[in-house]
């Protein structure tokens, strides 16, 4: 929690410095002919969830989760050294990506090998609204680098998800549920996050392209829940807690079109 407050303080200091620099903002005429609006899209790699076992020997492996972001962005001063951007981004929020193993001696005798299962799940799409400060630095006539940081408001309605593993005996007259998970998203539909990143800008004829690498860190977990291994023939019950931070690394590509001749002549 202290780390999150420190990040928030650093962001406020950055914004204050940006506003003071903006008073003497340097402008890049090479960028002034492109629209304030851009379309953005790119893949995202979410951090692995964390497990907190409380008792028992059974657990499972969490894996990183691939997802995707897309939306639009508005740059208030696209040709300035300092600028502020906002927009709307649609994200495909994950729930879990796991692999677990049930020993053959813990299930029915007609199973001759351990049961290994890989499964993943996504929730409903989310909407996020970033508010970012951006510093542009010209590297050459046709290339700029930029550093960006800021906050993001995430709209993700509360909900729940579950996962179960059931085994049947050989003649399908008996069933045992040996593994289950239940997860819930936070009760508050609006959540906050911090993001930081860097990238390159390329003016190419009628299109302004930006490629960026962004890391997003949530102020609260996107999913929390519990898991239970039970009803096994040999092994005792195993129980623990599950947490998915929702933090992720994303590579975004954005494109802005050149302004019309009428707008350029204004």
Protein backbone atom coordinates (compact mmCIF):
# COMPACT_ATOMS: atom_id res chain seq x y z
CA UNK A 1 0.00 0.00 0.00
CA UNK A 2 2.90 2.38 0.77
CA UNK A 3 4.24 1.78 -2.74
CA UNK A 4 0.91 2.79 -4.27
CA UNK A 5 0.79 6.02 -2.28
CA UNK A 6 4.38 6.78 -3.30
CA UNK A 7 3.46 6.29 -6.96
CA UNK A 8 0.51 8.65 -6.56
CA UNK A 9 2.74 11.32 -4.98
CA UNK A 10 5.31 10.97 -7.77
CA UNK A 11 2.57 11.32 -10.36
CA UNK A 12 1.29 14.55 -8.76
CA UNK A 13 4.84 15.94 -8.68
CA UNK A 14 5.29 14.99 -12.36
CA UNK A 15 2.05 16.76 -13.32
CA UNK A 16 3.04 19.92 -11.45
CA UNK A 17 6.44 19.93 -13.18
CA UNK A 18 4.78 19.29 -16.52
CA UNK A 19 2.46 22.25 -16.07
CA UNK A 20 5.37 24.54 -15.22
CA UNK A 21 7.32 23.35 -18.27
CA UNK A 22 4.23 23.65 -20.45
CA UNK A 23 4.26 27.39 -19.93
CA UNK A 24 7.42 27.47 -22.07
CA UNK A 25 6.46 24.51 -24.20
CA UNK A 26 8.57 23.74 -27.25
CA UNK A 27 6.66 22.83 -30.41
CA UNK A 28 7.49 20.43 -33.22
CA UNK A 29 5.98 21.63 -36.53
CA UNK A 30 6.51 18.15 -38.03
CA UNK A 31 3.73 16.88 -35.74
CA UNK A 32 1.29 19.79 -36.05
CA UNK A 33 -0.32 18.52 -39.26
CA UNK A 34 -1.74 15.38 -37.64
CA UNK A 35 -5.04 14.93 -35.87
CA UNK A 36 -5.45 15.12 -32.10
CA UNK A 37 -7.34 11.81 -32.28
CA UNK A 38 -5.73 8.43 -32.77
CA UNK A 39 -6.78 4.79 -32.81
CA UNK A 40 -4.82 2.48 -30.51
CA UNK A 41 -4.59 -1.31 -30.18
CA UNK A 42 -2.21 -3.97 -28.97
CA UNK A 43 -1.63 -7.15 -26.95
CA UNK A 44 -1.34 -7.23 -23.16
CA UNK A 45 0.41 -9.76 -20.92
CA UNK A 46 -1.06 -9.97 -17.41
CA UNK A 47 1.03 -10.98 -14.41
CA UNK A 48 0.49 -14.45 -12.98
CA UNK A 49 -1.99 -14.74 -10.15
CA UNK A 50 -0.72 -15.49 -6.63
CA UNK A 51 -1.70 -18.35 -4.34
CA UNK A 52 -1.68 -18.34 -0.55
CA UNK A 53 -2.03 -21.99 0.59
CA UNK A 54 -3.44 -22.42 4.10
CA UNK A 55 -3.34 -26.20 4.49
CA UNK A 56 -2.94 -29.39 2.47
CA UNK A 57 -0.40 -30.54 -0.12
CA UNK A 58 -2.38 -29.82 -3.30
CA UNK A 59 -1.98 -26.59 -5.21
CA UNK A 60 -1.75 -25.55 -8.87
CA UNK A 61 0.35 -23.49 -11.28
CA UNK A 62 -0.68 -19.99 -12.31
CA UNK A 63 0.45 -18.78 -15.71
CA UNK A 64 0.71 -15.34 -17.34
CA UNK A 65 -2.41 -14.42 -19.32
CA UNK A 66 -2.46 -12.87 -22.78
CA UNK A 67 -5.17 -10.36 -23.58
CA UNK A 68 -5.86 -7.41 -25.89
CA UNK A 69 -6.60 -3.68 -25.63
CA UNK A 70 -8.15 -1.34 -28.21
CA UNK A 71 -9.64 2.14 -28.22
CA UNK A 72 -9.03 5.77 -29.06
CA UNK A 73 -6.85 8.52 -27.62
CA UNK A 74 -6.97 12.31 -27.66
CA UNK A 75 -3.73 14.32 -27.46
CA UNK A 76 -4.32 17.91 -26.33
CA UNK A 77 -0.99 19.21 -27.73
CA UNK A 78 0.21 16.62 -30.27
CA UNK A 79 2.98 18.90 -31.55
CA UNK A 80 4.26 20.00 -28.13
CA UNK A 81 7.23 18.81 -26.15
CA UNK A 82 4.84 18.49 -23.21
CA UNK A 83 1.31 17.26 -23.67
CA UNK A 84 -1.61 15.63 -21.91
CA UNK A 85 -3.63 12.75 -23.32
CA UNK A 86 -6.86 11.01 -22.47
CA UNK A 87 -9.13 8.52 -24.19
CA UNK A 88 -11.14 5.35 -23.80
CA UNK A 89 -9.76 1.81 -23.94
CA UNK A 90 -11.61 -1.49 -24.07
CA UNK A 91 -9.78 -4.35 -22.35
CA UNK A 92 -10.46 -8.09 -22.19
CA UNK A 93 -10.08 -8.79 -18.45
CA UNK A 94 -8.76 -12.22 -17.38
CA UNK A 95 -9.99 -14.39 -14.50
CA UNK A 96 -7.48 -17.24 -14.42
CA UNK A 97 -4.99 -19.27 -16.44
CA UNK A 98 -4.00 -22.38 -14.49
CA UNK A 99 -2.71 -25.93 -14.72
CA UNK A 100 -3.43 -28.52 -12.00
CA UNK A 101 -2.69 -32.21 -11.49
CA UNK A 102 -4.82 -34.77 -9.63
CA UNK A 103 -2.95 -37.93 -8.67
CA UNK A 104 -4.40 -41.16 -10.05
CA UNK A 105 -4.63 -42.69 -6.57
CA UNK A 106 -6.97 -39.87 -5.52
CA UNK A 107 -9.54 -40.61 -8.23
CA UNK A 108 -11.37 -43.69 -9.44
CA UNK A 109 -9.42 -46.90 -10.14
CA UNK A 110 -10.12 -46.92 -13.87
CA UNK A 111 -7.85 -43.85 -14.20
CA UNK A 112 -4.39 -45.28 -14.95
CA UNK A 113 -2.58 -41.91 -15.08
CA UNK A 114 -2.66 -38.63 -13.21
CA UNK A 115 -5.24 -36.15 -14.47
CA UNK A 116 -3.58 -32.98 -15.79
CA UNK A 117 -5.81 -30.13 -16.84
CA UNK A 118 -5.04 -26.69 -18.31
CA UNK A 119 -7.80 -24.09 -18.38
CA UNK A 120 -8.27 -20.34 -18.58
CA UNK A 121 -11.14 -17.88 -18.44
CA UNK A 122 -11.83 -14.25 -19.29
CA UNK A 123 -14.42 -11.92 -17.81
CA UNK A 124 -16.52 -9.29 -19.53
CA UNK A 125 -14.65 -6.43 -21.26
CA UNK A 126 -13.73 -3.40 -19.19
CA UNK A 127 -13.57 0.31 -20.04
CA UNK A 128 -10.66 2.45 -18.88
CA UNK A 129 -10.10 6.19 -19.11
CA UNK A 130 -6.45 7.28 -18.87
CA UNK A 131 -5.20 10.75 -17.96
CA UNK A 132 -1.54 10.94 -18.92
CA UNK A 133 1.30 13.43 -19.12
CA UNK A 134 3.64 12.96 -22.08
CA UNK A 135 7.15 14.27 -22.79
CA UNK A 136 8.20 14.22 -26.48
CA UNK A 137 11.87 14.34 -27.48
CA UNK A 138 12.97 14.69 -31.11
CA UNK A 139 15.64 12.17 -32.13
CA UNK A 140 15.76 12.93 -35.85
CA UNK A 141 13.66 14.57 -38.53
CA UNK A 142 11.37 11.55 -38.77
CA UNK A 143 11.63 10.06 -35.30
CA UNK A 144 10.59 11.12 -31.79
CA UNK A 145 10.78 9.33 -28.48
CA UNK A 146 8.36 9.91 -25.62
CA UNK A 147 7.91 9.15 -21.96
CA UNK A 148 4.41 8.91 -20.51
CA UNK A 149 2.96 8.43 -17.06
CA UNK A 150 -0.36 8.96 -15.37
CA UNK A 151 -3.47 7.50 -13.84
CA UNK A 152 -6.26 5.39 -15.24
CA UNK A 153 -9.87 4.93 -14.11
CA UNK A 154 -11.19 1.44 -14.83
CA UNK A 155 -14.89 0.61 -15.13
CA UNK A 156 -15.31 -3.09 -14.37
CA UNK A 157 -18.69 -4.12 -12.88
CA UNK A 158 -18.51 -6.52 -9.95
CA UNK A 159 -19.16 -10.19 -10.64
CA UNK A 160 -18.08 -13.72 -9.82
CA UNK A 161 -16.71 -16.80 -11.57
CA UNK A 162 -16.22 -20.43 -10.61
CA UNK A 163 -14.41 -23.54 -11.77
CA UNK A 164 -14.99 -27.19 -10.78
CA UNK A 165 -13.46 -30.57 -11.60
CA UNK A 166 -15.74 -33.60 -11.27
CA UNK A 167 -14.80 -37.26 -11.80
CA UNK A 168 -17.22 -40.14 -12.44
CA UNK A 169 -16.77 -43.82 -11.78
CA UNK A 170 -16.53 -46.27 -14.66
CA UNK A 171 -20.29 -46.91 -14.97
CA UNK A 172 -21.27 -43.23 -14.43
CA UNK A 173 -23.31 -44.01 -11.28
CA UNK A 174 -21.19 -41.93 -8.91
CA UNK A 175 -19.47 -38.55 -9.08
CA UNK A 176 -16.91 -36.76 -6.94
CA UNK A 177 -16.09 -33.05 -7.11
CA UNK A 178 -12.41 -32.94 -6.22
CA UNK A 179 -11.42 -29.39 -7.13
CA UNK A 180 -13.22 -26.06 -7.06
CA UNK A 181 -12.45 -22.34 -7.27
CA UNK A 182 -14.59 -19.29 -6.71
CA UNK A 183 -13.47 -15.75 -7.56
CA UNK A 184 -15.04 -12.32 -7.19
CA UNK A 185 -14.18 -8.92 -8.59
CA UNK A 186 -14.24 -5.89 -6.23
CA UNK A 187 -17.59 -4.50 -5.13
CA UNK A 188 -16.68 -1.05 -6.48
CA UNK A 189 -17.22 -0.83 -10.23
CA UNK A 190 -14.70 2.04 -10.60
CA UNK A 191 -11.10 1.16 -9.86
CA UNK A 192 -7.85 3.06 -10.22
CA UNK A 193 -4.43 2.24 -11.63
CA UNK A 194 -1.08 3.83 -12.38
CA UNK A 195 0.74 3.50 -15.68
CA UNK A 196 4.18 4.33 -16.98
CA UNK A 197 5.81 3.75 -20.33
CA UNK A 198 7.92 4.85 -23.23
CA UNK A 199 7.82 4.67 -27.01
CA UNK A 200 8.66 6.06 -30.43
CA UNK A 201 6.76 8.30 -32.85
CA UNK A 202 7.12 8.12 -36.64
CA UNK A 203 5.53 10.73 -38.98
CA UNK A 204 4.94 8.75 -42.20
CA UNK A 205 3.28 10.78 -44.98
CA UNK A 206 -0.43 10.79 -44.12
CA UNK A 207 -0.20 8.81 -40.87
CA UNK A 208 1.49 9.49 -37.54
CA UNK A 209 2.44 6.17 -35.93
CA UNK A 210 3.31 5.63 -32.28
CA UNK A 211 4.60 2.41 -30.74
CA UNK A 212 4.78 2.21 -26.97
CA UNK A 213 5.48 -0.20 -24.15
CA UNK A 214 3.27 0.49 -21.11
CA UNK A 215 3.10 -1.09 -17.66
CA UNK A 216 -0.20 -0.74 -15.79
CA UNK A 217 -0.39 -1.36 -12.03
CA UNK A 218 -3.78 -1.53 -10.29
CA UNK A 219 -4.41 -0.07 -6.85
CA UNK A 220 -6.44 -3.18 -5.93
CA UNK A 221 -6.70 -6.77 -7.13
CA UNK A 222 -8.96 -7.38 -10.12
CA UNK A 223 -9.97 -10.82 -8.80
CA UNK A 224 -9.85 -12.49 -5.39
CA UNK A 225 -11.12 -15.87 -4.30
CA UNK A 226 -10.39 -19.30 -2.84
CA UNK A 227 -9.69 -22.82 -3.99
CA UNK A 228 -10.35 -26.26 -2.48
CA UNK A 229 -9.17 -29.80 -3.25
CA UNK A 230 -11.44 -32.32 -1.50
CA UNK A 231 -13.25 -35.70 -1.75
CA UNK A 232 -10.07 -37.50 -2.76
CA UNK A 233 -9.41 -41.16 -1.95
CA UNK A 234 -5.96 -40.74 -0.36
CA UNK A 235 -4.85 -37.12 0.03
CA UNK A 236 -6.36 -34.83 2.67
CA UNK A 237 -8.22 -31.63 1.91
CA UNK A 238 -6.19 -28.67 0.58
CA UNK A 239 -7.35 -25.05 0.78
CA UNK A 240 -5.96 -21.60 -0.04
CA UNK A 241 -6.58 -18.08 -1.31
CA UNK A 242 -6.29 -16.80 -4.90
CA UNK A 243 -5.40 -13.24 -5.96
CA UNK A 244 -5.08 -11.75 -9.45
CA UNK A 245 -3.64 -8.23 -9.39
CA UNK A 246 -4.64 -7.32 -12.94
CA UNK A 247 -1.24 -5.68 -13.51
CA UNK A 248 -0.04 -6.05 -17.08
CA UNK A 249 2.50 -5.07 -19.70
CA UNK A 250 1.12 -3.93 -23.03
CA UNK A 251 2.54 -3.00 -26.42
CA UNK A 252 0.33 -0.40 -28.09
CA UNK A 253 0.32 0.85 -31.66
CA UNK A 254 -1.54 4.09 -32.39
CA UNK A 255 -2.26 5.87 -35.65
CA UNK A 256 -3.31 9.48 -36.28
CA UNK A 257 -4.36 10.68 -39.72
CA UNK A 258 -3.12 13.84 -41.33
CA UNK A 259 -5.47 16.83 -41.09
CA UNK A 260 -7.45 17.89 -44.11
CA UNK A 261 -6.10 20.78 -46.20
CA UNK A 262 -8.89 23.01 -44.90
CA UNK A 263 -7.83 22.41 -41.28
CA UNK A 264 -4.16 22.79 -42.10
CA UNK A 265 -4.78 26.23 -43.62
CA UNK A 266 -6.54 27.54 -40.50
